[in-house]
Amino acid sequence: MIFAQLQMVLKTAQDEQELPDYLAEQVQFIIDQQDQFRARKQEIENLIEQVAHYDTYGQTGYLGMGVNNVILGNTLKRLLDA
């Protein structure tokens, strides 16, 4: 269920927010290897939130609620390097 939700927000981010391919590929790897990541539910939930709030044009910062490529990239690095 959680990985289906991640797949859904990934597709939306790609279609509507221009999520870069290199980030999308990393998220897709996590989805494809879900047995390896299943025990890390809280981190995957955080990833879902970040992908859902991804904003290519940086509506981040002081009042922005978005997540940019650096923030998302750091989250993916922590997940994939662990």
PDB file of N, CA and C in Angstrom:
ATOM      1  N   MET A   1       0.825  -1.202   0.000  1.00  0.00           N
ATOM      2  CA  MET A   1       0.000   0.000   0.000  1.00  0.00           C
ATOM      3  C   MET A   1       0.871   1.268   0.000  1.00  0.00           C
ATOM      4  N   ILE A   2       1.859   1.312   0.886  1.00  0.00           N
ATOM      5  CA  ILE A   2       2.700   2.501   0.987  1.00  0.00           C
ATOM      6  C   ILE A   2       3.498   2.718  -0.302  1.00  0.00           C
ATOM      7  N   PHE A   3       3.915   1.623  -0.931  1.00  0.00           N
ATOM      8  CA  PHE A   3       4.690   1.750  -2.163  1.00  0.00           C
ATOM      9  C   PHE A   3       3.794   2.119  -3.343  1.00  0.00           C
ATOM     10  N   ALA A   4       2.533   1.722  -3.286  1.00  0.00           N
ATOM     11  CA  ALA A   4       1.572   2.152  -4.310  1.00  0.00           C
ATOM     12  C   ALA A   4       1.346   3.657  -4.198  1.00  0.00           C
ATOM     13  N   GLN A   5       1.296   4.150  -2.980  1.00  0.00           N
ATOM     14  CA  GLN A   5       1.147   5.592  -2.755  1.00  0.00           C
ATOM     15  C   GLN A   5       2.379   6.335  -3.265  1.00  0.00           C
ATOM     16  N   LEU A   6       3.552   5.777  -3.010  1.00  0.00           N
ATOM     17  CA  LEU A   6       4.787   6.388  -3.503  1.00  0.00           C
ATOM     18  C   LEU A   6       4.790   6.422  -5.028  1.00  0.00           C
ATOM     19  N   GLN A   7       4.332   5.350  -5.660  1.00  0.00           N
ATOM     20  CA  GLN A   7       4.259   5.299  -7.126  1.00  0.00           C
ATOM     21  C   GLN A   7       3.321   6.386  -7.655  1.00  0.00           C
ATOM     22  N   MET A   8       2.205   6.583  -6.965  1.00  0.00           N
ATOM     23  CA  MET A   8       1.221   7.577  -7.389  1.00  0.00           C
ATOM     24  C   MET A   8       1.791   9.000  -7.300  1.00  0.00           C
ATOM     25  N   VAL A   9       2.442   9.329  -6.185  1.00  0.00           N
ATOM     26  CA  VAL A   9       2.991  10.681  -6.055  1.00  0.00           C
ATOM     27  C   VAL A   9       4.173  10.882  -6.997  1.00  0.00           C
ATOM     28  N   LEU A  10       4.900   9.812  -7.284  1.00  0.00           N
ATOM     29  CA  LEU A  10       6.001   9.897  -8.248  1.00  0.00           C
ATOM     30  C   LEU A  10       5.470  10.273  -9.619  1.00  0.00           C
ATOM     31  N   LYS A  11       4.420   9.601 -10.056  1.00  0.00           N
ATOM     32  CA  LYS A  11       3.841   9.896 -11.373  1.00  0.00           C
ATOM     33  C   LYS A  11       3.348  11.339 -11.437  1.00  0.00           C
ATOM     34  N   THR A  12       2.689  11.789 -10.397  1.00  0.00           N
ATOM     35  CA  THR A  12       2.195  13.169 -10.360  1.00  0.00           C
ATOM     36  C   THR A  12       3.350  14.163 -10.418  1.00  0.00           C
ATOM     37  N   ALA A  13       4.399  13.910  -9.653  1.00  0.00           N
ATOM     38  CA  ALA A  13       5.558  14.812  -9.644  1.00  0.00           C
ATOM     39  C   ALA A  13       6.225  14.860 -11.013  1.00  0.00           C
ATOM     40  N   GLN A  14       6.283  13.728 -11.691  1.00  0.00           N
ATOM     41  CA  GLN A  14       6.873  13.706 -13.029  1.00  0.00           C
ATOM     42  C   GLN A  14       5.986  14.445 -14.024  1.00  0.00           C
ATOM     43  N   ASP A  15       4.692  14.194 -13.954  1.00  0.00           N
ATOM     44  CA  ASP A  15       3.759  14.765 -14.925  1.00  0.00           C
ATOM     45  C   ASP A  15       3.488  16.250 -14.706  1.00  0.00           C
ATOM     46  N   GLU A  16       3.408  16.650 -13.444  1.00  0.00           N
ATOM     47  CA  GLU A  16       2.955  18.010 -13.142  1.00  0.00           C
ATOM     48  C   GLU A  16       4.043  18.941 -12.614  1.00  0.00           C
ATOM     49  N   GLN A  17       5.095  18.396 -12.023  1.00  0.00           N
ATOM     50  CA  GLN A  17       6.113  19.242 -11.387  1.00  0.00           C
ATOM     51  C   GLN A  17       7.497  19.099 -12.013  1.00  0.00           C
ATOM     52  N   GLU A  18       7.587  18.376 -13.114  1.00  0.00           N
ATOM     53  CA  GLU A  18       8.862  18.226 -13.827  1.00  0.00           C
ATOM     54  C   GLU A  18       9.967  17.656 -12.941  1.00  0.00           C
ATOM     55  N   LEU A  19       9.623  16.634 -12.169  1.00  0.00           N
ATOM     56  CA  LEU A  19      10.627  15.956 -11.352  1.00  0.00           C
ATOM     57  C   LEU A  19      11.729  15.437 -12.262  1.00  0.00           C
ATOM     58  N   PRO A  20      12.987  15.781 -11.991  1.00  0.00           N
ATOM     59  CA  PRO A  20      14.090  15.336 -12.852  1.00  0.00           C
ATOM     60  C   PRO A  20      14.177  13.807 -12.924  1.00  0.00           C
ATOM     61  N   ASP A  21      14.571  13.320 -14.089  1.00  0.00           N
ATOM     62  CA  ASP A  21      14.655  11.877 -14.312  1.00  0.00           C
ATOM     63  C   ASP A  21      15.574  11.193 -13.307  1.00  0.00           C
ATOM     64  N   TYR A  22      16.702  11.825 -12.981  1.00  0.00           N
ATOM     65  CA  TYR A  22      17.645  11.160 -12.074  1.00  0.00           C
ATOM     66  C   TYR A  22      17.042  10.940 -10.686  1.00  0.00           C
ATOM     67  N   LEU A  23      16.180  11.842 -10.241  1.00  0.00           N
ATOM     68  CA  LEU A  23      15.498  11.650  -8.961  1.00  0.00           C
ATOM     69  C   LEU A  23      14.379  10.625  -9.104  1.00  0.00           C
ATOM     70  N   ALA A  24      13.645  10.702 -10.199  1.00  0.00           N
ATOM     71  CA  ALA A  24      12.562   9.746 -10.444  1.00  0.00           C
ATOM     72  C   ALA A  24      13.103   8.324 -10.505  1.00  0.00           C
ATOM     73  N   GLU A  25      14.259   8.146 -11.116  1.00  0.00           N
ATOM     74  CA  GLU A  25      14.863   6.810 -11.217  1.00  0.00           C
ATOM     75  C   GLU A  25      15.220   6.264  -9.838  1.00  0.00           C
ATOM     76  N   GLN A  26      15.688   7.119  -8.959  1.00  0.00           N
ATOM     77  CA  GLN A  26      16.030   6.676  -7.603  1.00  0.00           C
ATOM     78  C   GLN A  26      14.779   6.286  -6.824  1.00  0.00           C
ATOM     79  N   VAL A  27      13.722   7.080  -6.966  1.00  0.00           N
ATOM     80  CA  VAL A  27      12.462   6.749  -6.301  1.00  0.00           C
ATOM     81  C   VAL A  27      11.917   5.438  -6.866  1.00  0.00           C
ATOM     82  N   GLN A  28      11.980   5.282  -8.180  1.00  0.00           N
ATOM     83  CA  GLN A  28      11.484   4.057  -8.805  1.00  0.00           C
ATOM     84  C   GLN A  28      12.287   2.845  -8.337  1.00  0.00           C
ATOM     85  N   PHE A  29      13.579   3.001  -8.130  1.00  0.00           N
ATOM     86  CA  PHE A  29      14.403   1.910  -7.611  1.00  0.00           C
ATOM     87  C   PHE A  29      13.876   1.457  -6.249  1.00  0.00           C
ATOM     88  N   ILE A  30      13.537   2.404  -5.392  1.00  0.00           N
ATOM     89  CA  ILE A  30      12.997   2.072  -4.068  1.00  0.00           C
ATOM     90  C   ILE A  30      11.682   1.321  -4.216  1.00  0.00           C
ATOM     91  N   ILE A  31      10.844   1.754  -5.139  1.00  0.00           N
ATOM     92  CA  ILE A  31       9.574   1.064  -5.383  1.00  0.00           C
ATOM     93  C   ILE A  31       9.833  -0.352  -5.894  1.00  0.00           C
ATOM     94  N   ASP A  32      10.744  -0.480  -6.832  1.00  0.00           N
ATOM     95  CA  ASP A  32      11.049  -1.788  -7.424  1.00  0.00           C
ATOM     96  C   ASP A  32      11.688  -2.743  -6.420  1.00  0.00           C
ATOM     97  N   GLN A  33      12.411  -2.208  -5.469  1.00  0.00           N
ATOM     98  CA  GLN A  33      13.111  -3.016  -4.462  1.00  0.00           C
ATOM     99  C   GLN A  33      12.419  -2.899  -3.099  1.00  0.00           C
ATOM    100  N   GLN A  34      11.102  -2.851  -3.113  1.00  0.00           N
ATOM    101  CA  GLN A  34      10.379  -2.554  -1.881  1.00  0.00           C
ATOM    102  C   GLN A  34      10.642  -3.540  -0.747  1.00  0.00           C
ATOM    103  N   ASP A  35      10.978  -4.787  -1.048  1.00  0.00           N
ATOM    104  CA  ASP A  35      11.299  -5.730   0.031  1.00  0.00           C
ATOM    105  C   ASP A  35      12.497  -5.244   0.844  1.00  0.00           C
ATOM    106  N   GLN A  36      13.413  -4.600   0.180  1.00  0.00           N
ATOM    107  CA  GLN A  36      14.620  -4.079   0.825  1.00  0.00           C
ATOM    108  C   GLN A  36      14.307  -2.866   1.714  1.00  0.00           C
ATOM    109  N   PHE A  37      13.216  -2.157   1.410  1.00  0.00           N
ATOM    110  CA  PHE A  37      12.897  -0.909   2.112  1.00  0.00           C
ATOM    111  C   PHE A  37      11.647  -1.004   2.988  1.00  0.00           C
ATOM    112  N   ARG A  38      10.989  -2.149   2.989  1.00  0.00           N
ATOM    113  CA  ARG A  38       9.712  -2.308   3.695  1.00  0.00           C
ATOM    114  C   ARG A  38       9.815  -1.971   5.194  1.00  0.00           C
ATOM    115  N   ALA A  39      10.912  -2.297   5.827  1.00  0.00           N
ATOM    116  CA  ALA A  39      11.070  -2.061   7.267  1.00  0.00           C
ATOM    117  C   ALA A  39      11.285  -0.586   7.603  1.00  0.00           C
ATOM    118  N   ARG A  40      11.453   0.245   6.593  1.00  0.00           N
ATOM    119  CA  ARG A  40      11.759   1.666   6.822  1.00  0.00           C
ATOM    120  C   ARG A  40      10.538   2.533   6.520  1.00  0.00           C
ATOM    121  N   LYS A  41       9.410   2.107   7.066  1.00  0.00           N
ATOM    122  CA  LYS A  41       8.122   2.733   6.769  1.00  0.00           C
ATOM    123  C   LYS A  41       8.119   4.243   7.030  1.00  0.00           C
ATOM    124  N   GLN A  42       8.633   4.665   8.148  1.00  0.00           N
ATOM    125  CA  GLN A  42       8.605   6.096   8.480  1.00  0.00           C
ATOM    126  C   GLN A  42       9.411   6.909   7.466  1.00  0.00           C
ATOM    127  N   GLU A  43      10.549   6.393   7.054  1.00  0.00           N
ATOM    128  CA  GLU A  43      11.362   7.094   6.061  1.00  0.00           C
ATOM    129  C   GLU A  43      10.666   7.125   4.697  1.00  0.00           C
ATOM    130  N   ILE A  44       9.972   6.048   4.351  1.00  0.00           N
ATOM    131  CA  ILE A  44       9.231   6.007   3.086  1.00  0.00           C
ATOM    132  C   ILE A  44       8.059   6.982   3.140  1.00  0.00           C
ATOM    133  N   GLU A  45       7.398   7.068   4.285  1.00  0.00           N
ATOM    134  CA  GLU A  45       6.309   8.046   4.434  1.00  0.00           C
ATOM    135  C   GLU A  45       6.840   9.470   4.266  1.00  0.00           C
ATOM    136  N   ASN A  46       8.007   9.748   4.815  1.00  0.00           N
ATOM    137  CA  ASN A  46       8.642  11.053   4.642  1.00  0.00           C
ATOM    138  C   ASN A  46       8.954  11.300   3.166  1.00  0.00           C
ATOM    139  N   LEU A  47       9.450  10.274   2.492  1.00  0.00           N
ATOM    140  CA  LEU A  47       9.744  10.390   1.060  1.00  0.00           C
ATOM    141  C   LEU A  47       8.474  10.692   0.273  1.00  0.00           C
ATOM    142  N   ILE A  48       7.381  10.040   0.613  1.00  0.00           N
ATOM    143  CA  ILE A  48       6.102  10.299  -0.058  1.00  0.00           C
ATOM    144  C   ILE A  48       5.723  11.769   0.093  1.00  0.00           C
ATOM    145  N   GLU A  49       5.839  12.294   1.303  1.00  0.00           N
ATOM    146  CA  GLU A  49       5.523  13.710   1.544  1.00  0.00           C
ATOM    147  C   GLU A  49       6.414  14.621   0.711  1.00  0.00           C
ATOM    148  N   GLN A  50       7.692  14.302   0.663  1.00  0.00           N
ATOM    149  CA  GLN A  50       8.619  15.153  -0.084  1.00  0.00           C
ATOM    150  C   GLN A  50       8.351  15.095  -1.582  1.00  0.00           C
ATOM    151  N   VAL A  51       8.112  13.907  -2.111  1.00  0.00           N
ATOM    152  CA  VAL A  51       7.821  13.793  -3.545  1.00  0.00           C
ATOM    153  C   VAL A  51       6.513  14.517  -3.855  1.00  0.00           C
ATOM    154  N   ALA A  52       5.525  14.381  -2.987  1.00  0.00           N
ATOM    155  CA  ALA A  52       4.235  15.044  -3.195  1.00  0.00           C
ATOM    156  C   ALA A  52       4.374  16.566  -3.198  1.00  0.00           C
ATOM    157  N   HIS A  53       5.346  17.088  -2.452  1.00  0.00           N
ATOM    158  CA  HIS A  53       5.536  18.539  -2.357  1.00  0.00           C
ATOM    159  C   HIS A  53       6.709  19.041  -3.200  1.00  0.00           C
ATOM    160  N   TYR A  54       7.194  18.185  -4.100  1.00  0.00           N
ATOM    161  CA  TYR A  54       8.312  18.587  -4.950  1.00  0.00           C
ATOM    162  C   TYR A  54       7.904  19.776  -5.818  1.00  0.00           C
ATOM    163  N   ASP A  55       8.788  20.745  -5.928  1.00  0.00           N
ATOM    164  CA  ASP A  55       8.531  21.923  -6.755  1.00  0.00           C
ATOM    165  C   ASP A  55       9.814  22.310  -7.476  1.00  0.00           C
ATOM    166  N   THR A  56       9.837  22.065  -8.769  1.00  0.00           N
ATOM    167  CA  THR A  56      11.005  22.366  -9.592  1.00  0.00           C
ATOM    168  C   THR A  56      11.434  23.815  -9.452  1.00  0.00           C
ATOM    169  N   TYR A  57      10.481  24.704  -9.365  1.00  0.00           N
ATOM    170  CA  TYR A  57      10.791  26.129  -9.384  1.00  0.00           C
ATOM    171  C   TYR A  57      11.007  26.716  -8.003  1.00  0.00           C
ATOM    172  N   GLY A  58      11.196  25.841  -7.025  1.00  0.00           N
ATOM    173  CA  GLY A  58      11.694  26.279  -5.729  1.00  0.00           C
ATOM    174  C   GLY A  58      10.754  27.093  -4.883  1.00  0.00           C
ATOM    175  N   GLN A  59       9.491  26.738  -4.821  1.00  0.00           N
ATOM    176  CA  GLN A  59       8.588  27.411  -3.887  1.00  0.00           C
ATOM    177  C   GLN A  59       8.882  26.867  -2.493  1.00  0.00           C
ATOM    178  N   THR A  60      10.134  27.041  -2.113  1.00  0.00           N
ATOM    179  CA  THR A  60      10.613  26.546  -0.828  1.00  0.00           C
ATOM    180  C   THR A  60      11.104  27.735  -0.028  1.00  0.00           C
ATOM    181  N   GLY A  61      11.737  27.473   1.075  1.00  0.00           N
ATOM    182  CA  GLY A  61      12.317  28.562   1.845  1.00  0.00           C
ATOM    183  C   GLY A  61      11.389  29.078   2.919  1.00  0.00           C
ATOM    184  N   TYR A  62      11.481  30.371   3.185  1.00  0.00           N
ATOM    185  CA  TYR A  62      10.822  30.962   4.347  1.00  0.00           C
ATOM    186  C   TYR A  62       9.335  30.641   4.418  1.00  0.00           C
ATOM    187  N   LEU A  63       8.592  30.937   3.384  1.00  0.00           N
ATOM    188  CA  LEU A  63       7.154  30.673   3.403  1.00  0.00           C
ATOM    189  C   LEU A  63       6.747  29.527   2.492  1.00  0.00           C
ATOM    190  N   GLY A  64       7.647  29.093   1.642  1.00  0.00           N
ATOM    191  CA  GLY A  64       7.310  28.036   0.699  1.00  0.00           C
ATOM    192  C   GLY A  64       7.156  26.689   1.379  1.00  0.00           C
ATOM    193  N   MET A  65       6.252  25.894   0.851  1.00  0.00           N
ATOM    194  CA  MET A  65       6.005  24.571   1.405  1.00  0.00           C
ATOM    195  C   MET A  65       6.615  23.483   0.534  1.00  0.00           C
ATOM    196  N   GLY A  66       7.218  23.862  -0.574  1.00  0.00           N
ATOM    197  CA  GLY A  66       7.727  22.890  -1.523  1.00  0.00           C
ATOM    198  C   GLY A  66       9.047  22.274  -1.104  1.00  0.00           C
ATOM    199  N   VAL A  67       9.397  21.228  -1.834  1.00  0.00           N
ATOM    200  CA  VAL A  67      10.654  20.514  -1.644  1.00  0.00           C
ATOM    201  C   VAL A  67      11.414  20.625  -2.951  1.00  0.00           C
ATOM    202  N   ASN A  68      12.673  21.038  -2.895  1.00  0.00           N
ATOM    203  CA  ASN A  68      13.449  21.166  -4.130  1.00  0.00           C
ATOM    204  C   ASN A  68      14.310  19.926  -4.364  1.00  0.00           C
ATOM    205  N   ASN A  69      15.075  19.943  -5.448  1.00  0.00           N
ATOM    206  CA  ASN A  69      15.873  18.773  -5.813  1.00  0.00           C
ATOM    207  C   ASN A  69      16.962  18.463  -4.788  1.00  0.00           C
ATOM    208  N   VAL A  70      17.495  19.463  -4.111  1.00  0.00           N
ATOM    209  CA  VAL A  70      18.542  19.227  -3.114  1.00  0.00           C
ATOM    210  C   VAL A  70      17.966  18.497  -1.900  1.00  0.00           C
ATOM    211  N   ILE A  71      16.851  18.968  -1.414  1.00  0.00           N
ATOM    212  CA  ILE A  71      16.210  18.338  -0.251  1.00  0.00           C
ATOM    213  C   ILE A  71      15.825  16.900  -0.579  1.00  0.00           C
ATOM    214  N   LEU A  72      15.171  16.703  -1.711  1.00  0.00           N
ATOM    215  CA  LEU A  72      14.755  15.358  -2.106  1.00  0.00           C
ATOM    216  C   LEU A  72      15.970  14.469  -2.361  1.00  0.00           C
ATOM    217  N   GLY A  73      16.978  15.010  -3.000  1.00  0.00           N
ATOM    218  CA  GLY A  73      18.197  14.248  -3.262  1.00  0.00           C
ATOM    219  C   GLY A  73      18.869  13.778  -1.985  1.00  0.00           C
ATOM    220  N   ASN A  74      18.902  14.629  -0.968  1.00  0.00           N
ATOM    221  CA  ASN A  74      19.500  14.246   0.317  1.00  0.00           C
ATOM    222  C   ASN A  74      18.713  13.129   0.994  1.00  0.00           C
ATOM    223  N   THR A  75      17.401  13.206   0.922  1.00  0.00           N
ATOM    224  CA  THR A  75      16.560  12.146   1.491  1.00  0.00           C
ATOM    225  C   THR A  75      16.814  10.825   0.782  1.00  0.00           C
ATOM    226  N   LEU A  76      16.869  10.872  -0.536  1.00  0.00           N
ATOM    227  CA  LEU A  76      17.122   9.652  -1.307  1.00  0.00           C
ATOM    228  C   LEU A  76      18.504   9.091  -0.998  1.00  0.00           C
ATOM    229  N   LYS A  77      19.476   9.956  -0.854  1.00  0.00           N
ATOM    230  CA  LYS A  77      20.840   9.500  -0.535  1.00  0.00           C
ATOM    231  C   LYS A  77      20.856   8.760   0.795  1.00  0.00           C
ATOM    232  N   ARG A  78      20.178   9.313   1.795  1.00  0.00           N
ATOM    233  CA  ARG A  78      20.121   8.650   3.103  1.00  0.00           C
ATOM    234  C   ARG A  78      19.455   7.276   2.995  1.00  0.00           C
ATOM    235  N   LEU A  79      18.388   7.192   2.226  1.00  0.00           N
ATOM    236  CA  LEU A  79      17.691   5.911   2.062  1.00  0.00           C
ATOM    237  C   LEU A  79      18.543   4.892   1.314  1.00  0.00           C
ATOM    238  N   LEU A  80      19.163   5.330   0.247  1.00  0.00           N
ATOM    239  CA  LEU A  80      19.883   4.406  -0.626  1.00  0.00           C
ATOM    240  C   LEU A  80      21.258   4.025  -0.089  1.00  0.00           C
ATOM    241  N   ASP A  81      21.858   4.882   0.715  1.00  0.00           N
ATOM    242  CA  ASP A  81      23.199   4.609   1.230  1.00  0.00           C
ATOM    243  C   ASP A  81      23.194   3.795   2.522  1.00  0.00           C
ATOM    244  N   ALA A  82      22.047   3.681   3.133  1.00  0.00           N
ATOM    245  CA  ALA A  82      21.973   2.980   4.431  1.00  0.00           C
ATOM    246  C   ALA A  82      22.070   1.477   4.269  1.00  0.00           C
TER     247      ALA A  82
END
